[in-house]
Amino acid sequence: MKSDFVREVVFYGEHFRDLYHGLNKKTRLKIDWTINLLETVEKVPEKYFKHLAATEGLYEIRVECESNIYRFFSFFDKGKLIIAINGFQKKTNKTPKSEIEKALKIKKQYFNEKQ
């Protein structure tokens, strides 16, 4: 990890990449900016990174671009290492339960593979 970074964001599996590469350039640049913020700012505003209550350690990386809202699930491993996993375009006020369940399944798979 570079010395000017507070934490590192890594991507697990293809879930994040699949969504990311399907987006337009402007949205991808906003996602890149948000990831850089997570890596370089000590206290990240909740507007960009928020813990999801009652989810066993899941966080949302939150990105708004124009009238679109995207959420990318993530979790911590080894303190300052953020593992980014699946994401989706948010169209309702509440995060869909099916998306949370999918993220928890991927998180469990990640830790099982580490053993």
C-alpha atoms as a PDB file:
ATOM      1  CA  MET A   1       0.000   0.000   0.000  1.00  0.00           C
ATOM      2  CA  LYS A   2       1.303   3.465  -0.856  1.00  0.00           C
ATOM      3  CA  SER A   3       2.450   5.557   2.080  1.00  0.00           C
ATOM      4  CA  ASP A   4      -0.073   8.346   1.401  1.00  0.00           C
ATOM      5  CA  PHE A   5      -2.974   5.900   1.585  1.00  0.00           C
ATOM      6  CA  VAL A   6      -4.994   5.451   4.767  1.00  0.00           C
ATOM      7  CA  ARG A   7      -6.535   2.167   3.636  1.00  0.00           C
ATOM      8  CA  GLU A   8      -6.584  -0.035   0.566  1.00  0.00           C
ATOM      9  CA  VAL A   9      -9.579  -1.043  -1.546  1.00  0.00           C
ATOM     10  CA  VAL A  10      -9.367  -4.341  -3.404  1.00  0.00           C
ATOM     11  CA  PHE A  11     -11.956  -6.075  -5.533  1.00  0.00           C
ATOM     12  CA  TYR A  12     -13.076  -9.632  -4.974  1.00  0.00           C
ATOM     13  CA  GLY A  13     -14.518 -11.662  -7.822  1.00  0.00           C
ATOM     14  CA  GLU A  14     -16.053 -10.208 -10.946  1.00  0.00           C
ATOM     15  CA  HIS A  15     -19.268  -8.812  -9.459  1.00  0.00           C
ATOM     16  CA  PHE A  16     -17.962  -5.261  -9.018  1.00  0.00           C
ATOM     17  CA  ARG A  17     -16.072  -5.238 -12.327  1.00  0.00           C
ATOM     18  CA  ASP A  18     -19.072  -6.521 -14.292  1.00  0.00           C
ATOM     19  CA  LEU A  19     -21.247  -3.631 -13.136  1.00  0.00           C
ATOM     20  CA  TYR A  20     -18.425  -1.066 -13.376  1.00  0.00           C
ATOM     21  CA  HIS A  21     -17.519  -1.880 -16.992  1.00  0.00           C
ATOM     22  CA  GLY A  22     -21.162  -1.653 -18.047  1.00  0.00           C
ATOM     23  CA  LEU A  23     -21.421   1.982 -16.918  1.00  0.00           C
ATOM     24  CA  ASN A  24     -20.695   5.142 -18.875  1.00  0.00           C
ATOM     25  CA  LYS A  25     -17.358   6.936 -18.558  1.00  0.00           C
ATOM     26  CA  LYS A  26     -18.687   9.758 -16.380  1.00  0.00           C
ATOM     27  CA  THR A  27     -20.113   7.315 -13.848  1.00  0.00           C
ATOM     28  CA  ARG A  28     -16.907   5.239 -13.832  1.00  0.00           C
ATOM     29  CA  LEU A  29     -14.898   8.413 -13.131  1.00  0.00           C
ATOM     30  CA  LYS A  30     -17.172   9.223 -10.170  1.00  0.00           C
ATOM     31  CA  ILE A  31     -16.719   5.684  -8.838  1.00  0.00           C
ATOM     32  CA  ASP A  32     -12.937   6.028  -9.231  1.00  0.00           C
ATOM     33  CA  TRP A  33     -13.057   9.354  -7.361  1.00  0.00           C
ATOM     34  CA  THR A  34     -15.056   7.760  -4.534  1.00  0.00           C
ATOM     35  CA  ILE A  35     -12.660   4.791  -4.267  1.00  0.00           C
ATOM     36  CA  ASN A  36      -9.741   7.245  -4.105  1.00  0.00           C
ATOM     37  CA  LEU A  37     -11.541   9.106  -1.311  1.00  0.00           C
ATOM     38  CA  LEU A  38     -11.906   5.855   0.651  1.00  0.00           C
ATOM     39  CA  GLU A  39      -8.214   5.156   0.241  1.00  0.00           C
ATOM     40  CA  THR A  40      -6.859   8.589   1.140  1.00  0.00           C
ATOM     41  CA  VAL A  41      -9.173  10.286   3.659  1.00  0.00           C
ATOM     42  CA  GLU A  42      -8.983   9.284   7.322  1.00  0.00           C
ATOM     43  CA  LYS A  43     -12.655   9.993   8.119  1.00  0.00           C
ATOM     44  CA  VAL A  44     -14.813   9.274   5.085  1.00  0.00           C
ATOM     45  CA  PRO A  45     -18.168  11.109   5.093  1.00  0.00           C
ATOM     46  CA  GLU A  46     -21.190   8.821   5.467  1.00  0.00           C
ATOM     47  CA  LYS A  47     -22.445  10.204   2.166  1.00  0.00           C
ATOM     48  CA  TYR A  48     -19.791   8.027   0.471  1.00  0.00           C
ATOM     49  CA  PHE A  49     -19.283   5.096   2.843  1.00  0.00           C
ATOM     50  CA  LYS A  50     -21.820   3.779   5.329  1.00  0.00           C
ATOM     51  CA  HIS A  51     -22.161   0.738   7.574  1.00  0.00           C
ATOM     52  CA  LEU A  52     -25.368  -1.184   7.012  1.00  0.00           C
ATOM     53  CA  ALA A  53     -27.005  -1.927  10.353  1.00  0.00           C
ATOM     54  CA  ALA A  54     -27.696  -5.576  11.211  1.00  0.00           C
ATOM     55  CA  THR A  55     -25.622  -6.950   8.317  1.00  0.00           C
ATOM     56  CA  GLU A  56     -22.602  -8.610   9.943  1.00  0.00           C
ATOM     57  CA  GLY A  57     -20.107  -5.930   8.891  1.00  0.00           C
ATOM     58  CA  LEU A  58     -21.308  -4.911   5.437  1.00  0.00           C
ATOM     59  CA  TYR A  59     -20.693  -1.374   4.222  1.00  0.00           C
ATOM     60  CA  GLU A  60     -21.993   0.512   1.204  1.00  0.00           C
ATOM     61  CA  ILE A  61     -19.708   2.483  -1.054  1.00  0.00           C
ATOM     62  CA  ARG A  62     -22.165   5.136  -2.157  1.00  0.00           C
ATOM     63  CA  VAL A  63     -21.952   6.851  -5.539  1.00  0.00           C
ATOM     64  CA  GLU A  64     -24.320   9.384  -7.059  1.00  0.00           C
ATOM     65  CA  CYS A  65     -23.860  10.493 -10.646  1.00  0.00           C
ATOM     66  CA  GLU A  66     -26.414  12.772 -12.241  1.00  0.00           C
ATOM     67  CA  SER A  67     -29.786  11.253 -11.325  1.00  0.00           C
ATOM     68  CA  ASN A  68     -28.405   7.734 -10.783  1.00  0.00           C
ATOM     69  CA  ILE A  69     -27.475   6.196  -7.442  1.00  0.00           C
ATOM     70  CA  TYR A  70     -25.166   3.196  -7.151  1.00  0.00           C
ATOM     71  CA  ARG A  71     -24.278   1.093  -4.148  1.00  0.00           C
ATOM     72  CA  PHE A  72     -21.310  -1.243  -3.914  1.00  0.00           C
ATOM     73  CA  PHE A  73     -21.093  -3.586  -0.972  1.00  0.00           C
ATOM     74  CA  SER A  74     -17.836  -3.995   0.874  1.00  0.00           C
ATOM     75  CA  PHE A  75     -16.392  -5.201   4.156  1.00  0.00           C
ATOM     76  CA  PHE A  76     -13.152  -4.954   6.077  1.00  0.00           C
ATOM     77  CA  ASP A  77     -10.426  -7.561   6.254  1.00  0.00           C
ATOM     78  CA  LYS A  78      -7.284  -6.989   8.336  1.00  0.00           C
ATOM     79  CA  GLY A  79      -8.393  -3.595   9.652  1.00  0.00           C
ATOM     80  CA  LYS A  80      -7.657  -1.171   6.839  1.00  0.00           C
ATOM     81  CA  LEU A  81      -8.242  -3.410   3.840  1.00  0.00           C
ATOM     82  CA  ILE A  82     -11.637  -2.874   2.222  1.00  0.00           C
ATOM     83  CA  ILE A  83     -12.919  -5.705   0.059  1.00  0.00           C
ATOM     84  CA  ALA A  84     -15.351  -4.420  -2.571  1.00  0.00           C
ATOM     85  CA  ILE A  85     -17.823  -6.969  -3.856  1.00  0.00           C
ATOM     86  CA  ASN A  86     -21.176  -6.755  -5.655  1.00  0.00           C
ATOM     87  CA  GLY A  87     -23.096  -3.617  -6.505  1.00  0.00           C
ATOM     88  CA  PHE A  88     -26.319  -2.415  -8.018  1.00  0.00           C
ATOM     89  CA  GLN A  89     -28.137   0.679  -9.243  1.00  0.00           C
ATOM     90  CA  LYS A  90     -30.405   1.859  -6.467  1.00  0.00           C
ATOM     91  CA  LYS A  91     -33.965   2.619  -7.534  1.00  0.00           C
ATOM     92  CA  THR A  92     -35.809   2.537  -4.204  1.00  0.00           C
ATOM     93  CA  ASN A  93     -35.283   4.112  -0.784  1.00  0.00           C
ATOM     94  CA  LYS A  94     -34.458   0.817   0.917  1.00  0.00           C
ATOM     95  CA  THR A  95     -31.606  -1.445  -0.072  1.00  0.00           C
ATOM     96  CA  PRO A  96     -33.192  -4.619  -1.473  1.00  0.00           C
ATOM     97  CA  LYS A  97     -32.907  -7.561   0.914  1.00  0.00           C
ATOM     98  CA  SER A  98     -31.892  -9.828  -1.979  1.00  0.00           C
ATOM     99  CA  GLU A  99     -28.852  -7.613  -2.671  1.00  0.00           C
ATOM    100  CA  ILE A 100     -27.805  -7.736   0.995  1.00  0.00           C
ATOM    101  CA  GLU A 101     -28.196 -11.528   1.051  1.00  0.00           C
ATOM    102  CA  LYS A 102     -26.093 -11.821  -2.114  1.00  0.00           C
ATOM    103  CA  ALA A 103     -23.378  -9.637  -0.543  1.00  0.00           C
ATOM    104  CA  LEU A 104     -23.348 -11.708   2.657  1.00  0.00           C
ATOM    105  CA  LYS A 105     -23.007 -14.883   0.600  1.00  0.00           C
ATOM    106  CA  ILE A 106     -20.032 -13.431  -1.325  1.00  0.00           C
ATOM    107  CA  LYS A 107     -18.441 -12.240   1.938  1.00  0.00           C
ATOM    108  CA  LYS A 108     -18.750 -15.732   3.415  1.00  0.00           C
ATOM    109  CA  GLN A 109     -17.232 -17.224   0.250  1.00  0.00           C
ATOM    110  CA  TYR A 110     -14.302 -14.771   0.493  1.00  0.00           C
ATOM    111  CA  PHE A 111     -13.445 -15.783   4.065  1.00  0.00           C
ATOM    112  CA  ASN A 112     -13.928 -19.507   3.299  1.00  0.00           C
ATOM    113  CA  GLU A 113     -11.422 -19.236   0.429  1.00  0.00           C
ATOM    114  CA  LYS A 114      -8.907 -17.512   2.704  1.00  0.00           C
ATOM    115  CA  GLN A 115      -8.773 -20.501   5.081  1.00  0.00           C
END
